[in-house]
C-alpha atoms as a PDB file:
ATOM      1  CA  MET A   1     -10.086   1.367  14.897  1.00  0.00           C
ATOM      2  CA  LYS A   2      -7.931   0.903  11.825  1.00  0.00           C
ATOM      3  CA  LYS A   3      -4.200   1.260  11.452  1.00  0.00           C
ATOM      4  CA  TYR A   4      -2.723   2.131   8.079  1.00  0.00           C
ATOM      5  CA  TYR A   5       0.560   0.905   6.634  1.00  0.00           C
ATOM      6  CA  TYR A   6       2.608   1.949   3.616  1.00  0.00           C
ATOM      7  CA  ASN A   7       4.046  -1.134   1.874  1.00  0.00           C
ATOM      8  CA  CYS A   8       6.649  -0.725  -0.878  1.00  0.00           C
ATOM      9  CA  PRO A   9       8.296  -4.131  -1.420  1.00  0.00           C
ATOM     10  CA  ARG A  10      10.776  -3.241  -4.191  1.00  0.00           C
ATOM     11  CA  GLY A  11      11.598   0.346  -3.314  1.00  0.00           C
ATOM     12  CA  PHE A  12      10.057   1.909  -6.440  1.00  0.00           C
ATOM     13  CA  SER A  13       7.995   5.003  -5.707  1.00  0.00           C
ATOM     14  CA  ASN A  14       5.176   3.926  -8.027  1.00  0.00           C
ATOM     15  CA  GLU A  15       4.900   0.347  -6.738  1.00  0.00           C
ATOM     16  CA  PHE A  16       3.291   0.480  -3.338  1.00  0.00           C
ATOM     17  CA  SER A  17       0.096  -0.293  -1.510  1.00  0.00           C
ATOM     18  CA  ILE A  18      -1.705   1.207   1.443  1.00  0.00           C
ATOM     19  CA  ILE A  19      -2.949  -1.501   3.797  1.00  0.00           C
ATOM     20  CA  SER A  20      -5.595  -0.923   6.451  1.00  0.00           C
ATOM     21  CA  VAL A  21      -5.701  -3.313   9.402  1.00  0.00           C
ATOM     22  CA  GLU A  22      -8.868  -3.408  11.515  1.00  0.00           C
ATOM     23  CA  GLN A  23      -7.628  -3.811  15.080  1.00  0.00           C
ATOM     24  CA  THR A  24     -10.836  -5.528  16.237  1.00  0.00           C
ATOM     25  CA  ASN A  25     -10.449  -8.276  13.603  1.00  0.00           C
ATOM     26  CA  GLU A  26      -8.090 -10.809  15.181  1.00  0.00           C
ATOM     27  CA  GLN A  27      -7.499 -12.671  11.920  1.00  0.00           C
ATOM     28  CA  GLU A  28      -6.385  -9.500  10.095  1.00  0.00           C
ATOM     29  CA  VAL A  29      -4.105  -8.534  12.963  1.00  0.00           C
ATOM     30  CA  LYS A  30      -2.567 -12.017  13.079  1.00  0.00           C
ATOM     31  CA  GLN A  31      -2.003 -12.103   9.302  1.00  0.00           C
ATOM     32  CA  PHE A  32      -0.477  -8.645   9.317  1.00  0.00           C
ATOM     33  CA  ASN A  33       1.818  -9.463  12.241  1.00  0.00           C
ATOM     34  CA  GLU A  34       3.112 -12.513  10.355  1.00  0.00           C
ATOM     35  CA  PHE A  35       3.655 -10.311   7.292  1.00  0.00           C
ATOM     36  CA  TYR A  36       5.422  -7.665   9.388  1.00  0.00           C
ATOM     37  CA  ASN A  37       7.688 -10.309  10.934  1.00  0.00           C
ATOM     38  CA  ARG A  38       8.573 -11.508   7.429  1.00  0.00           C
ATOM     39  CA  TYR A  39       9.448  -7.889   6.551  1.00  0.00           C
ATOM     40  CA  GLN A  40      11.686  -7.538   9.604  1.00  0.00           C
ATOM     41  CA  LYS A  41      13.548 -10.778   8.817  1.00  0.00           C
ATOM     42  CA  SER A  42      13.943  -9.932   5.133  1.00  0.00           C
ATOM     43  CA  ASP A  43      17.339  -9.194   3.617  1.00  0.00           C
ATOM     44  CA  ASN A  44      15.731  -6.870   1.062  1.00  0.00           C
ATOM     45  CA  THR A  45      17.023  -3.405   1.950  1.00  0.00           C
ATOM     46  CA  ASN A  46      14.639  -1.750  -0.534  1.00  0.00           C
ATOM     47  CA  TRP A  47      11.468  -3.030   1.150  1.00  0.00           C
ATOM     48  CA  ASP A  48       9.703  -0.272   3.064  1.00  0.00           C
ATOM     49  CA  LEU A  49       6.832  -1.078   5.423  1.00  0.00           C
ATOM     50  CA  HIS A  50       5.804   1.429   8.052  1.00  0.00           C
ATOM     51  CA  GLN A  51       2.735   2.763   9.812  1.00  0.00           C
ATOM     52  CA  ILE A  52       1.164   6.008   8.614  1.00  0.00           C
ATOM     53  CA  THR A  53      -1.787   8.073   9.792  1.00  0.00           C
ATOM     54  CA  GLU A  54      -5.221   7.833   8.206  1.00  0.00           C
ATOM     55  CA  LYS A  55      -4.877  11.426   6.994  1.00  0.00           C
ATOM     56  CA  ARG A  56      -1.556  10.626   5.283  1.00  0.00           C
ATOM     57  CA  ALA A  57      -3.017   7.455   3.727  1.00  0.00           C
ATOM     58  CA  ARG A  58      -5.930   9.395   2.241  1.00  0.00           C
ATOM     59  CA  LYS A  59      -3.568  12.131   0.982  1.00  0.00           C
ATOM     60  CA  ILE A  60      -1.334   9.587  -0.783  1.00  0.00           C
ATOM     61  CA  ILE A  61      -4.345   7.927  -2.429  1.00  0.00           C
ATOM     62  CA  SER A  62      -5.746  11.296  -3.513  1.00  0.00           C
ATOM     63  CA  ASP A  63      -2.420  12.334  -5.062  1.00  0.00           C
ATOM     64  CA  GLU A  64      -2.125   9.040  -6.949  1.00  0.00           C
ATOM     65  CA  ARG A  65      -5.657   9.372  -8.340  1.00  0.00           C
ATOM     66  CA  THR A  66      -4.843  12.896  -9.520  1.00  0.00           C
ATOM     67  CA  THR A  67      -1.689  11.640 -11.252  1.00  0.00           C
ATOM     68  CA  LYS A  68      -3.603   8.788 -12.884  1.00  0.00           C
ATOM     69  CA  ARG A  69      -6.260  11.189 -14.245  1.00  0.00           C
ATOM     70  CA  ALA A  70      -3.571  13.527 -15.588  1.00  0.00           C
ATOM     71  CA  TYR A  71      -1.853  10.626 -17.360  1.00  0.00           C
ATOM     72  CA  GLU A  72      -5.150   9.437 -18.834  1.00  0.00           C
ATOM     73  CA  ARG A  73      -6.022  12.934 -20.112  1.00  0.00           C
ATOM     74  CA  ALA A  74      -2.612  13.281 -21.725  1.00  0.00           C
ATOM     75  CA  GLY A  75      -2.951   9.887 -23.386  1.00  0.00           C
ATOM     76  CA  ILE A  76       0.062   8.476 -21.604  1.00  0.00           C
ATOM     77  CA  ASN A  77       0.137   4.691 -21.509  1.00  0.00           C
ATOM     78  CA  LEU A  78      -0.309   3.634 -17.886  1.00  0.00           C
ATOM     79  CA  CYS A  79       1.356   0.275 -18.594  1.00  0.00           C
ATOM     80  CA  CYS A  80       4.635   2.058 -19.279  1.00  0.00           C
ATOM     81  CA  ASN A  81       4.106   4.745 -16.631  1.00  0.00           C
ATOM     82  CA  PRO A  82       2.375   2.973 -13.744  1.00  0.00           C
ATOM     83  CA  VAL A  83       0.691   4.866 -10.977  1.00  0.00           C
ATOM     84  CA  GLY A  84       0.875   3.649  -7.383  1.00  0.00           C
ATOM     85  CA  ALA A  85      -2.095   2.630  -5.287  1.00  0.00           C
ATOM     86  CA  THR A  86      -5.364   4.383  -6.052  1.00  0.00           C
ATOM     87  CA  GLU A  87      -7.319   2.843  -3.180  1.00  0.00           C
ATOM     88  CA  ILE A  88      -6.751   1.670   0.362  1.00  0.00           C
ATOM     89  CA  THR A  89      -6.661  -2.121   0.534  1.00  0.00           C
ATOM     90  CA  SER A  90      -7.943  -3.945   3.587  1.00  0.00           C
ATOM     91  CA  ALA A  91      -5.562  -6.497   5.056  1.00  0.00           C
ATOM     92  CA  THR A  92      -7.991  -9.305   4.191  1.00  0.00           C
ATOM     93  CA  GLU A  93      -7.996  -8.337   0.494  1.00  0.00           C
ATOM     94  CA  PHE A  94      -4.244  -7.787   0.483  1.00  0.00           C
ATOM     95  CA  PHE A  95      -3.477 -11.245   1.849  1.00  0.00           C
ATOM     96  CA  GLU A  96      -5.870 -12.911  -0.613  1.00  0.00           C
ATOM     97  CA  GLU A  97      -3.747 -11.488  -3.451  1.00  0.00           C
ATOM     98  CA  TYR A  98      -0.353 -11.819  -1.764  1.00  0.00           C
END
């Protein structure tokens, strides 16, 4: 079973990631718990990290993909108008980048 988390470290609505944590993978769970503890101890009041349902995670991703396609069709530069996450990132992938 997977749990999904919304992670927005700077508080900007277009800078976030959706992290999936496989509960049967002990390494992922351990890494995520360390990350979550870092979030709880952080002084950054803008950082938002909370659990969401799988349905909500898929809805957020779908909405972001729609926005990205609309921007691309209109010729809007995505570097200046970034779109949030367009895919769900596994905890293993997330911690490789983080």
